N, C-alpha and C. Protein backbone atom coordinates (compact mmCIF):
# COMPACT_ATOMS: atom_id res chain seq x y z
N MET A 1 -1.55 -15.14 1.65
CA MET A 1 -0.85 -15.59 0.50
C MET A 1 0.75 -15.32 0.95
N ASN A 2 1.93 -16.78 0.82
CA ASN A 2 2.87 -17.33 0.81
C ASN A 2 3.39 -16.77 -0.07
N PHE A 3 4.66 -15.93 0.25
CA PHE A 3 5.38 -15.13 -0.96
C PHE A 3 6.50 -15.69 -0.59
N LYS A 4 7.35 -16.54 -0.86
CA LYS A 4 8.24 -17.16 -0.14
C LYS A 4 9.70 -16.41 -0.74
N LEU A 5 9.76 -15.65 -1.80
CA LEU A 5 10.95 -14.68 -2.54
C LEU A 5 10.84 -13.36 -1.23
N LEU A 6 10.02 -13.00 -1.02
CA LEU A 6 9.80 -12.06 -0.12
C LEU A 6 10.28 -12.21 1.27
N GLU A 7 9.64 -13.29 1.43
CA GLU A 7 9.92 -13.85 2.83
C GLU A 7 11.54 -13.50 3.23
N LYS A 8 11.53 -14.59 2.43
CA LYS A 8 13.51 -14.83 2.17
C LYS A 8 14.53 -13.16 2.54
N ARG A 9 13.80 -12.34 1.84
CA ARG A 9 14.23 -10.97 1.77
C ARG A 9 14.32 -10.22 3.17
N ILE A 10 13.12 -10.46 2.98
CA ILE A 10 12.67 -9.76 4.87
C ILE A 10 13.82 -10.62 6.11
N LEU A 11 13.92 -11.55 6.00
CA LEU A 11 14.61 -12.13 7.28
C LEU A 11 15.92 -11.67 7.00
N GLU A 12 16.96 -11.80 5.64
CA GLU A 12 18.32 -11.70 4.91
C GLU A 12 18.42 -10.14 4.77
N ASP A 13 17.29 -9.40 4.72
CA ASP A 13 18.10 -7.86 4.44
C ASP A 13 17.62 -6.68 5.15
N GLY A 14 16.00 -7.52 5.92
CA GLY A 14 15.28 -7.04 7.11
C GLY A 14 16.08 -6.03 7.68
N ARG A 15 15.69 -5.38 8.64
CA ARG A 15 16.49 -4.49 9.97
C ARG A 15 15.18 -4.60 10.60
N CYS A 16 15.25 -4.80 11.97
CA CYS A 16 14.60 -4.57 13.04
C CYS A 16 14.79 -3.41 14.12
N TYR A 17 13.78 -2.30 14.41
CA TYR A 17 14.19 -1.52 15.34
C TYR A 17 13.28 -1.30 16.51
N ALA A 18 13.54 -0.68 17.19
CA ALA A 18 12.46 -0.40 18.93
C ALA A 18 11.83 -0.13 18.28
N GLY A 19 10.57 0.06 18.93
CA GLY A 19 8.84 0.15 18.65
C GLY A 19 8.31 -0.38 17.40
N GLY A 20 8.55 -1.44 17.02
CA GLY A 20 7.70 -2.34 16.16
C GLY A 20 8.53 -1.51 14.65
N ILE A 21 9.57 -1.54 14.21
CA ILE A 21 9.60 -0.87 12.96
C ILE A 21 10.52 -1.39 12.51
N LEU A 22 10.07 -2.20 11.06
CA LEU A 22 11.02 -2.88 10.12
C LEU A 22 11.26 -2.23 9.27
N LYS A 23 12.58 -2.33 8.86
CA LYS A 23 13.31 -1.48 7.74
C LYS A 23 13.68 -2.41 6.74
N VAL A 24 12.86 -1.97 5.43
CA VAL A 24 13.34 -2.87 3.89
C VAL A 24 14.05 -1.85 3.12
N ASP A 25 14.59 -0.76 3.23
CA ASP A 25 14.84 0.02 2.91
C ASP A 25 16.23 -0.19 1.44
N SER A 26 16.41 -1.22 1.74
CA SER A 26 17.82 -2.18 1.00
C SER A 26 17.18 -2.41 -0.30
N PHE A 27 15.66 -3.01 -0.71
CA PHE A 27 15.23 -3.63 -1.40
C PHE A 27 13.75 -3.07 -1.78
N ILE A 28 13.35 -2.39 -1.10
CA ILE A 28 12.20 -1.97 -1.38
C ILE A 28 11.45 -0.49 -1.44
N ASN A 29 12.14 -0.08 -0.24
CA ASN A 29 11.56 1.47 0.11
C ASN A 29 12.35 2.91 -0.02
N HIS A 30 13.92 2.37 -0.37
CA HIS A 30 14.65 3.40 -0.52
C HIS A 30 15.59 3.22 -2.10
N GLN A 31 16.32 2.07 -1.61
CA GLN A 31 17.13 1.27 -2.71
C GLN A 31 16.00 0.14 -3.27
N MET A 32 15.44 0.03 -4.58
CA MET A 32 14.71 -0.66 -4.97
C MET A 32 15.77 -1.88 -5.41
N ASP A 33 14.71 -3.31 -5.75
CA ASP A 33 15.30 -4.38 -6.27
C ASP A 33 14.28 -4.43 -7.35
N PRO A 34 14.29 -4.28 -8.91
CA PRO A 34 13.37 -3.99 -9.64
C PRO A 34 13.10 -5.31 -9.77
N ASP A 35 13.26 -6.25 -10.28
CA ASP A 35 13.26 -7.85 -10.22
C ASP A 35 12.21 -8.17 -9.54
N LEU A 36 12.34 -7.89 -7.78
CA LEU A 36 11.53 -8.54 -6.54
C LEU A 36 10.37 -7.23 -7.12
N MET A 37 10.54 -6.22 -6.83
CA MET A 37 9.42 -5.51 -7.82
C MET A 37 8.53 -5.98 -8.84
N MET A 38 9.03 -6.37 -9.98
CA MET A 38 8.17 -6.89 -10.71
C MET A 38 7.61 -8.57 -10.50
N LYS A 39 7.58 -8.85 -9.86
CA LYS A 39 7.58 -10.43 -9.16
C LYS A 39 6.43 -9.85 -8.61
N ILE A 40 6.37 -8.56 -7.60
CA ILE A 40 5.26 -8.47 -6.80
C ILE A 40 4.35 -7.53 -7.72
N GLY A 41 4.19 -6.65 -8.66
CA GLY A 41 3.41 -6.20 -9.87
C GLY A 41 2.78 -7.48 -10.03
N GLU A 42 3.61 -8.82 -10.77
CA GLU A 42 3.12 -10.16 -11.35
C GLU A 42 1.81 -10.48 -10.28
N GLU A 43 2.11 -10.75 -8.84
CA GLU A 43 1.50 -11.63 -7.95
C GLU A 43 0.25 -10.64 -7.49
N PHE A 44 0.34 -9.30 -7.08
CA PHE A 44 -0.39 -8.47 -7.63
C PHE A 44 -1.86 -8.43 -8.31
N SER A 45 -1.19 -8.45 -9.58
CA SER A 45 -1.99 -8.44 -11.25
C SER A 45 -2.61 -10.35 -10.90
N ARG A 46 -1.65 -11.15 -10.24
CA ARG A 46 -2.52 -12.35 -9.97
C ARG A 46 -3.98 -12.02 -9.79
N ILE A 47 -3.43 -11.49 -7.99
CA ILE A 47 -4.55 -11.86 -7.04
C ILE A 47 -5.47 -10.70 -7.49
N PHE A 48 -5.78 -9.60 -8.39
CA PHE A 48 -6.71 -8.92 -8.36
C PHE A 48 -7.14 -8.86 -9.84
N LYS A 49 -6.61 -9.49 -11.13
CA LYS A 49 -7.05 -9.64 -12.07
C LYS A 49 -8.55 -9.98 -12.28
N ASN A 50 -9.34 -10.79 -11.53
CA ASN A 50 -10.79 -10.61 -11.72
C ASN A 50 -12.23 -9.85 -11.07
N LYS A 51 -11.15 -9.09 -10.51
CA LYS A 51 -11.47 -8.11 -9.76
C LYS A 51 -12.44 -6.61 -10.15
N GLY A 52 -12.35 -6.86 -11.90
CA GLY A 52 -13.38 -5.58 -12.41
C GLY A 52 -12.55 -4.75 -12.27
N ILE A 53 -11.13 -4.09 -12.38
CA ILE A 53 -10.59 -2.71 -11.70
C ILE A 53 -10.52 -2.10 -12.57
N ASP A 54 -10.67 -0.70 -12.65
CA ASP A 54 -10.19 0.35 -13.75
C ASP A 54 -9.21 1.49 -13.39
N LYS A 55 -8.32 1.22 -11.93
CA LYS A 55 -7.60 1.87 -11.53
C LYS A 55 -7.04 1.69 -10.66
N ILE A 56 -5.52 2.05 -10.51
CA ILE A 56 -4.60 1.70 -9.43
C ILE A 56 -4.40 2.48 -8.46
N LEU A 57 -4.78 2.84 -7.23
CA LEU A 57 -4.34 4.27 -6.23
C LEU A 57 -3.05 3.53 -5.37
N THR A 58 -2.20 4.42 -5.22
CA THR A 58 -1.29 4.31 -4.31
C THR A 58 -0.73 5.58 -3.76
N ILE A 59 0.00 5.87 -2.25
CA ILE A 59 0.03 7.25 -1.37
C ILE A 59 1.80 7.03 -2.14
N GLU A 60 1.93 8.11 -2.27
CA GLU A 60 3.70 8.47 -2.37
C GLU A 60 4.08 8.06 -0.96
N ALA A 61 5.68 7.72 -1.30
CA ALA A 61 5.78 7.12 -2.17
C ALA A 61 6.56 5.67 -2.14
N SER A 62 6.17 5.09 -1.24
CA SER A 62 7.25 3.96 -1.51
C SER A 62 6.22 2.84 -2.01
N GLY A 63 4.91 3.09 -1.98
CA GLY A 63 3.92 2.35 -2.82
C GLY A 63 4.05 2.60 -4.26
N ILE A 64 4.45 3.62 -5.08
CA ILE A 64 4.71 3.62 -6.18
C ILE A 64 5.17 2.58 -7.46
N ALA A 65 6.80 2.32 -6.94
CA ALA A 65 6.78 1.26 -7.65
C ALA A 65 6.12 -0.44 -7.78
N PRO A 66 5.55 -0.82 -6.83
CA PRO A 66 4.84 -1.72 -7.01
C PRO A 66 3.43 -1.51 -8.24
N ALA A 67 3.14 -0.39 -7.49
CA ALA A 67 1.93 -0.22 -8.44
C ALA A 67 1.77 0.26 -9.94
N ILE A 68 3.32 0.75 -9.84
CA ILE A 68 3.91 1.03 -11.47
C ILE A 68 3.75 -0.44 -11.83
N MET A 69 4.51 -1.19 -11.56
CA MET A 69 4.65 -2.61 -12.29
C MET A 69 3.57 -3.16 -12.36
N MET A 70 2.50 -3.51 -11.20
CA MET A 70 0.77 -3.61 -11.41
C MET A 70 0.61 -3.22 -12.74
N GLY A 71 0.34 -1.69 -12.81
CA GLY A 71 -0.48 -1.27 -13.92
C GLY A 71 0.45 -1.43 -15.20
N ALA A 72 1.53 -1.96 -15.48
CA ALA A 72 2.25 -2.01 -16.37
C ALA A 72 1.77 -3.61 -16.98
N ILE A 73 1.75 -4.39 -16.21
CA ILE A 73 0.97 -5.87 -16.22
C ILE A 73 -0.04 -5.88 -16.59
N MET A 74 -1.09 -5.21 -16.34
CA MET A 74 -2.25 -4.96 -15.78
C MET A 74 -3.04 -3.77 -16.98
N HIS A 75 -2.16 -2.98 -17.54
CA HIS A 75 -2.38 -1.84 -18.51
C HIS A 75 -3.69 -1.51 -18.13
N LEU A 76 -3.18 -0.73 -16.86
CA LEU A 76 -3.97 0.24 -15.88
C LEU A 76 -3.17 1.44 -15.75
N PRO A 77 -3.85 2.65 -15.64
CA PRO A 77 -3.56 4.36 -15.13
C PRO A 77 -3.24 3.57 -13.50
N VAL A 78 -2.29 4.10 -13.13
CA VAL A 78 -2.11 4.26 -11.50
C VAL A 78 -1.61 5.99 -11.39
N VAL A 79 -2.64 6.13 -9.99
CA VAL A 79 -2.93 7.45 -9.61
C VAL A 79 -1.96 7.20 -8.20
N PHE A 80 -1.25 8.41 -7.96
CA PHE A 80 -0.73 8.50 -6.17
C PHE A 80 -1.22 9.22 -5.77
N THR A 81 -1.39 9.41 -4.69
CA THR A 81 -1.87 10.22 -3.71
C THR A 81 -0.61 10.84 -3.02
N LYS A 82 -0.44 12.26 -3.22
CA LYS A 82 0.05 13.21 -3.18
C LYS A 82 0.83 13.33 -1.10
N LYS A 83 1.51 13.66 -0.51
CA LYS A 83 2.16 14.27 0.63
C LYS A 83 1.90 15.61 0.75
N LYS A 84 2.29 16.27 -0.21
CA LYS A 84 1.90 17.64 -0.30
C LYS A 84 1.55 18.04 -1.78
N GLN A 85 0.52 19.34 -1.27
CA GLN A 85 -0.78 19.71 -2.52
C GLN A 85 0.13 20.82 -3.23
N PRO A 86 0.12 20.27 -4.57
CA PRO A 86 0.98 21.22 -5.45
C PRO A 86 0.15 22.15 -6.01
N LYS A 87 0.91 23.51 -6.26
CA LYS A 87 0.11 24.47 -6.55
C LYS A 87 -0.84 24.65 -7.90
N THR A 88 -0.33 23.50 -8.96
CA THR A 88 -1.09 23.19 -9.87
C THR A 88 -1.96 22.57 -9.62
N MET A 89 -2.38 21.60 -8.52
CA MET A 89 -3.39 20.85 -8.60
C MET A 89 -4.74 22.00 -8.52
N ASP A 90 -5.81 21.69 -8.89
CA ASP A 90 -7.32 21.99 -8.97
C ASP A 90 -8.20 20.76 -8.88
N ASN A 91 -9.38 21.15 -7.99
CA ASN A 91 -10.09 20.15 -7.89
C ASN A 91 -9.80 19.05 -7.04
N MET A 92 -9.12 19.04 -6.38
CA MET A 92 -8.67 18.56 -5.12
C MET A 92 -9.71 17.54 -4.00
N LEU A 93 -9.26 16.49 -4.01
CA LEU A 93 -9.64 15.34 -2.54
C LEU A 93 -8.60 15.30 -1.61
N VAL A 94 -9.27 15.85 -0.30
CA VAL A 94 -7.91 15.57 0.39
C VAL A 94 -8.78 15.15 1.82
N SER A 95 -7.42 14.44 2.77
CA SER A 95 -7.68 13.71 3.81
C SER A 95 -6.47 13.76 4.99
N ASN A 96 -6.70 13.17 5.59
CA ASN A 96 -5.67 13.67 6.68
C ASN A 96 -4.58 12.31 7.18
N VAL A 97 -3.75 11.87 7.25
CA VAL A 97 -3.16 10.56 7.08
C VAL A 97 -1.99 10.31 7.87
N HIS A 98 -1.86 9.55 8.93
CA HIS A 98 -0.84 9.87 10.09
C HIS A 98 -0.11 8.25 9.83
N SER A 99 1.54 8.71 9.57
CA SER A 99 2.85 7.99 9.22
C SER A 99 3.20 7.48 10.24
N PHE A 100 2.87 6.27 10.48
CA PHE A 100 3.65 5.60 11.87
C PHE A 100 5.23 5.25 12.10
N THR A 101 5.81 5.34 10.65
CA THR A 101 7.03 5.44 10.49
C THR A 101 7.91 7.06 11.38
N LYS A 102 6.95 7.66 10.56
CA LYS A 102 7.23 9.16 10.79
C LYS A 102 7.04 10.02 11.57
N ASP A 103 5.81 9.11 12.10
CA ASP A 103 5.30 9.66 13.77
C ASP A 103 5.08 11.70 13.27
N ARG A 104 4.24 11.36 12.11
CA ARG A 104 3.81 13.32 11.88
C ARG A 104 2.48 12.41 10.76
N THR A 105 1.53 13.47 10.95
CA THR A 105 0.32 13.41 10.37
C THR A 105 0.53 14.21 8.18
N TYR A 106 -0.19 13.73 7.65
CA TYR A 106 -0.01 14.39 6.26
C TYR A 106 -1.34 14.77 6.06
N THR A 107 -1.34 15.66 5.62
CA THR A 107 -2.69 16.01 4.19
C THR A 107 -2.25 15.47 3.16
N VAL A 108 -3.04 14.61 2.84
CA VAL A 108 -2.85 14.17 1.18
C VAL A 108 -3.83 14.44 0.18
N CYS A 109 -3.58 14.68 -0.79
CA CYS A 109 -4.22 15.06 -1.98
C CYS A 109 -4.24 14.28 -3.01
N LEU A 110 -5.33 14.39 -3.64
CA LEU A 110 -5.33 13.25 -4.82
C LEU A 110 -6.96 14.30 -6.32
N SER A 111 -6.10 14.61 -7.65
CA SER A 111 -6.77 15.66 -8.08
C SER A 111 -8.65 14.68 -8.42
N ALA A 112 -9.24 15.29 -8.15
CA ALA A 112 -10.56 14.53 -8.65
C ALA A 112 -10.67 14.09 -9.99
N ASP A 113 -10.03 14.98 -10.89
CA ASP A 113 -10.09 14.51 -12.17
C ASP A 113 -9.65 12.64 -12.46
N PHE A 114 -8.71 12.47 -11.69
CA PHE A 114 -8.50 10.86 -11.39
C PHE A 114 -8.61 10.34 -11.02
N LEU A 115 -10.35 10.01 -9.99
CA LEU A 115 -10.69 9.26 -9.21
C LEU A 115 -12.26 9.60 -9.69
N LYS A 116 -13.01 9.07 -10.09
CA LYS A 116 -13.85 9.14 -10.72
C LYS A 116 -15.42 8.65 -9.70
N LYS A 117 -16.37 8.79 -9.69
CA LYS A 117 -17.88 8.09 -9.32
C LYS A 117 -17.91 6.58 -10.04
N GLY A 118 -18.19 5.80 -9.08
CA GLY A 118 -18.41 4.89 -10.02
C GLY A 118 -16.81 3.86 -10.33
N GLU A 119 -15.55 4.34 -10.61
CA GLU A 119 -14.39 3.66 -10.91
C GLU A 119 -14.29 2.78 -9.44
N ARG A 120 -13.77 1.48 -10.20
CA ARG A 120 -13.70 0.18 -9.27
C ARG A 120 -11.99 0.59 -8.97
N VAL A 121 -11.42 0.91 -7.86
CA VAL A 121 -9.78 0.99 -7.67
C VAL A 121 -9.72 -0.42 -6.85
N VAL A 122 -7.84 -0.91 -6.81
CA VAL A 122 -7.33 -1.12 -6.01
C VAL A 122 -6.09 -0.47 -5.46
N PHE A 123 -6.10 -0.29 -4.23
CA PHE A 123 -5.20 0.29 -3.64
C PHE A 123 -3.88 -0.55 -3.03
N ILE A 124 -2.85 -0.03 -3.23
CA ILE A 124 -1.52 -0.68 -3.38
C ILE A 124 -0.39 0.26 -2.43
N ASP A 125 0.04 -0.37 -1.49
CA ASP A 125 1.17 0.15 -0.87
C ASP A 125 2.28 -1.01 -0.23
N ASP A 126 3.47 -0.35 0.39
CA ASP A 126 4.16 -1.28 0.38
C ASP A 126 3.92 -1.10 2.54
N PHE A 127 3.55 -1.24 3.30
CA PHE A 127 3.34 -1.93 4.34
C PHE A 127 1.99 -1.31 5.05
N LEU A 128 2.15 -2.14 5.61
CA LEU A 128 0.06 -2.23 6.00
C LEU A 128 1.00 -2.08 7.64
N ALA A 129 0.32 -1.57 8.48
CA ALA A 129 0.75 -1.39 10.15
C ALA A 129 -0.72 -1.18 10.73
N TYR A 130 -0.93 -0.26 10.80
CA TYR A 130 -2.66 0.73 11.62
C TYR A 130 -3.67 0.92 10.57
N GLY A 131 -3.05 0.78 9.61
CA GLY A 131 -4.38 0.82 8.77
C GLY A 131 -4.16 2.56 8.23
N ASN A 132 -3.62 3.12 8.30
CA ASN A 132 -3.84 4.61 8.35
C ASN A 132 -3.82 5.01 6.99
N ALA A 133 -3.15 4.77 6.09
CA ALA A 133 -2.96 5.54 4.65
C ALA A 133 -4.20 4.80 4.11
N ALA A 134 -4.14 3.30 4.04
CA ALA A 134 -5.79 2.68 3.87
C ALA A 134 -6.73 3.28 4.02
N ARG A 135 -6.59 4.21 5.35
CA ARG A 135 -8.16 4.96 5.71
C ARG A 135 -7.86 6.08 5.47
N GLY A 136 -7.21 6.94 4.84
CA GLY A 136 -7.06 8.39 4.24
C GLY A 136 -7.66 7.59 2.98
N ILE A 137 -7.11 6.78 2.12
CA ILE A 137 -7.52 5.90 0.77
C ILE A 137 -8.77 5.95 0.56
N ILE A 138 -9.67 5.36 1.97
CA ILE A 138 -10.83 5.16 2.05
C ILE A 138 -11.93 6.60 2.00
N ASP A 139 -11.05 7.52 2.58
CA ASP A 139 -12.03 8.64 2.54
C ASP A 139 -12.15 9.36 1.25
N LEU A 140 -11.34 9.54 0.46
CA LEU A 140 -10.79 9.63 -0.63
C LEU A 140 -11.99 8.92 -1.53
N CYS A 141 -11.55 7.79 -1.47
CA CYS A 141 -12.47 7.11 -2.36
C CYS A 141 -14.02 7.74 -2.18
N ARG A 142 -14.41 7.67 -0.46
CA ARG A 142 -15.90 8.04 -0.85
C ARG A 142 -16.16 9.17 -0.88
N GLN A 143 -15.35 10.53 -0.84
CA GLN A 143 -15.66 11.61 -1.53
C GLN A 143 -15.94 11.18 -3.12
N ALA A 144 -15.03 10.56 -3.57
CA ALA A 144 -15.28 10.79 -5.03
C ALA A 144 -16.58 9.70 -5.42
N GLY A 145 -16.63 8.61 -4.48
CA GLY A 145 -18.05 7.85 -5.21
C GLY A 145 -17.06 6.75 -5.59
N ALA A 146 -16.11 6.07 -5.42
CA ALA A 146 -15.47 5.60 -5.86
C ALA A 146 -15.42 4.38 -5.45
N GLU A 147 -15.45 3.11 -5.66
CA GLU A 147 -15.47 1.59 -4.90
C GLU A 147 -14.34 1.21 -5.05
N ILE A 148 -13.50 0.55 -3.63
CA ILE A 148 -12.24 0.15 -3.21
C ILE A 148 -12.75 -1.52 -3.44
N ALA A 149 -11.95 -2.02 -5.02
CA ALA A 149 -12.01 -3.99 -4.51
C ALA A 149 -11.12 -4.40 -4.04
N GLY A 150 -10.02 -3.80 -3.58
CA GLY A 150 -9.17 -4.43 -2.79
C GLY A 150 -8.41 -3.74 -2.09
N MET A 151 -7.35 -4.43 -1.58
CA MET A 151 -6.10 -3.45 -1.08
C MET A 151 -5.16 -4.60 -1.00
N GLY A 152 -3.96 -4.22 -1.70
CA GLY A 152 -2.20 -5.03 -1.64
C GLY A 152 -1.56 -4.32 -0.84
N PHE A 153 -0.85 -5.52 -0.22
CA PHE A 153 0.23 -4.40 0.55
C PHE A 153 1.52 -5.75 0.66
N ILE A 154 2.63 -5.07 0.34
CA ILE A 154 3.73 -6.01 0.04
C ILE A 154 4.13 -6.46 1.26
N ILE A 155 4.32 -6.11 2.59
CA ILE A 155 3.88 -5.94 3.94
C ILE A 155 3.46 -5.97 4.86
N GLU A 156 2.61 -7.19 5.60
CA GLU A 156 1.41 -6.61 6.69
C GLU A 156 2.48 -6.88 7.93
N LYS A 157 2.37 -5.63 9.05
CA LYS A 157 2.69 -6.36 10.45
C LYS A 157 1.52 -6.32 11.18
N VAL A 158 0.99 -7.94 10.89
CA VAL A 158 -0.20 -8.37 11.78
C VAL A 158 -0.20 -7.63 13.23
N PHE A 159 0.38 -7.55 13.96
CA PHE A 159 0.77 -7.06 14.95
C PHE A 159 0.00 -5.85 15.28
N GLN A 160 0.33 -4.95 14.54
CA GLN A 160 -0.70 -3.63 14.43
C GLN A 160 -1.91 -3.53 13.78
N GLY A 161 -2.62 -4.38 13.91
CA GLY A 161 -4.30 -4.22 13.27
C GLY A 161 -5.02 -3.92 12.65
N GLY A 162 -4.23 -2.88 11.76
CA GLY A 162 -4.58 -2.75 10.39
C GLY A 162 -4.90 -3.57 9.59
N GLY A 163 -4.61 -4.96 9.18
CA GLY A 163 -6.00 -5.58 8.32
C GLY A 163 -6.90 -5.94 9.07
N ASP A 164 -6.60 -6.42 10.21
CA ASP A 164 -8.10 -6.60 10.98
C ASP A 164 -9.26 -5.51 10.94
N TYR A 165 -8.71 -4.31 10.75
CA TYR A 165 -9.98 -3.11 10.65
C TYR A 165 -10.10 -3.21 9.48
N LEU A 166 -9.26 -3.18 8.52
CA LEU A 166 -9.68 -3.05 7.03
C LEU A 166 -10.45 -4.59 6.79
N LYS A 167 -10.44 -5.07 7.17
CA LYS A 167 -11.35 -6.39 6.91
C LYS A 167 -12.95 -6.35 7.96
N SER A 168 -12.85 -5.57 9.13
CA SER A 168 -14.14 -5.36 9.45
C SER A 168 -14.86 -4.17 8.59
N GLN A 169 -14.41 -4.07 7.99
CA GLN A 169 -14.74 -2.71 6.91
C GLN A 169 -15.42 -3.40 5.59
N GLY A 170 -14.88 -4.90 5.60
CA GLY A 170 -15.44 -5.44 4.48
C GLY A 170 -14.14 -5.17 3.31
N ILE A 171 -13.13 -4.95 3.21
CA ILE A 171 -12.37 -4.39 2.34
C ILE A 171 -11.44 -6.27 2.38
N ASP A 172 -11.24 -6.46 0.95
CA ASP A 172 -10.46 -7.70 0.78
C ASP A 172 -9.25 -7.07 0.83
N VAL A 173 -8.05 -7.74 1.77
CA VAL A 173 -7.24 -7.74 2.10
C VAL A 173 -6.26 -8.61 1.77
N TYR A 174 -4.79 -8.18 1.27
CA TYR A 174 -4.13 -9.20 0.34
C TYR A 174 -2.52 -8.63 0.63
N SER A 175 -1.86 -9.38 1.85
CA SER A 175 -0.66 -9.24 1.94
C SER A 175 0.19 -10.20 1.58
N LEU A 176 1.30 -9.88 0.50
CA LEU A 176 2.39 -10.75 0.58
C LEU A 176 3.35 -11.75 1.45
N ALA A 177 3.67 -10.91 2.40
CA ALA A 177 4.07 -11.38 3.56
C ALA A 177 3.73 -10.45 4.99
N ARG A 178 3.53 -11.06 5.72
CA ARG A 178 2.63 -11.23 7.06
C ARG A 178 3.82 -11.29 8.15
N VAL A 179 4.33 -10.48 8.86
CA VAL A 179 5.30 -9.92 10.30
C VAL A 179 3.68 -10.17 11.01
N LYS A 180 4.80 -11.29 12.19
CA LYS A 180 3.25 -11.86 13.14
C LYS A 180 4.05 -10.90 14.13
N SER A 181 5.75 -11.13 14.35
CA SER A 181 6.19 -10.21 15.44
C SER A 181 7.50 -9.53 15.56
N LEU A 182 7.93 -7.97 15.70
CA LEU A 182 9.16 -7.94 16.06
C LEU A 182 9.70 -7.67 17.19
N ASP A 183 9.17 -8.42 18.28
CA ASP A 183 9.38 -8.10 20.12
C ASP A 183 10.79 -8.73 19.51
N ASN A 184 11.68 -8.35 20.86
CA ASN A 184 12.76 -7.91 20.90
C ASN A 184 13.73 -7.68 19.85
N CYS A 185 13.56 -7.42 18.76
CA CYS A 185 13.99 -6.72 17.25
C CYS A 185 14.24 -8.36 16.71
N LYS A 186 13.29 -9.23 16.76
CA LYS A 186 13.85 -10.21 16.06
C LYS A 186 12.35 -10.86 15.13
N ILE A 187 12.53 -10.50 13.96
CA ILE A 187 11.39 -10.47 12.67
C ILE A 187 10.93 -12.08 12.52
N GLU A 188 9.96 -11.68 13.27
CA GLU A 188 9.17 -13.42 12.91
C GLU A 188 7.88 -13.33 11.82
N LEU A 189 7.75 -14.19 11.10
CA LEU A 189 6.94 -14.18 10.07
C LEU A 189 5.93 -15.09 10.26
N GLU A 190 4.83 -15.05 9.84
CA GLU A 190 3.75 -15.85 9.91
C GLU A 190 3.72 -17.21 8.58
């Protein structure tokens, strides 16, 4: 998918750091551009409208905004997987997810009350790098007996291979912007 508005913002406002880190905190995952988020929600809604989905899943925190926009447009519930277990959560599904950016492993959890057997879900997130968050979501869906109808990412860092892995597992993957390289701290899009 070619999403020129997003690509323009990445090139103009994105910052690159050593080790393959792309910083987009001025418009996606710290300070957010609500107009851009709405357009992202509209695009994901267009992509997934015929997938027969029951629910949208994401993981805190940066996937929440685009998932909420998509949920509002499609009139679907949005469930976000938590990175810390609340004291009030019972009947939990749990998985481990390694964060590339923060270089730490989280135990993520989701109430089984909100992910049921047979539900068709779409996972939405800000980045796809190695696919670690997506793997955690796959595990949670397997535990619940839910079916993944697809996964949507705002930005995919193609060179880190997560998209290839997910596609090899039979998952429909859609990325609105695809970063080919961050070599020498230069942002190169596909």
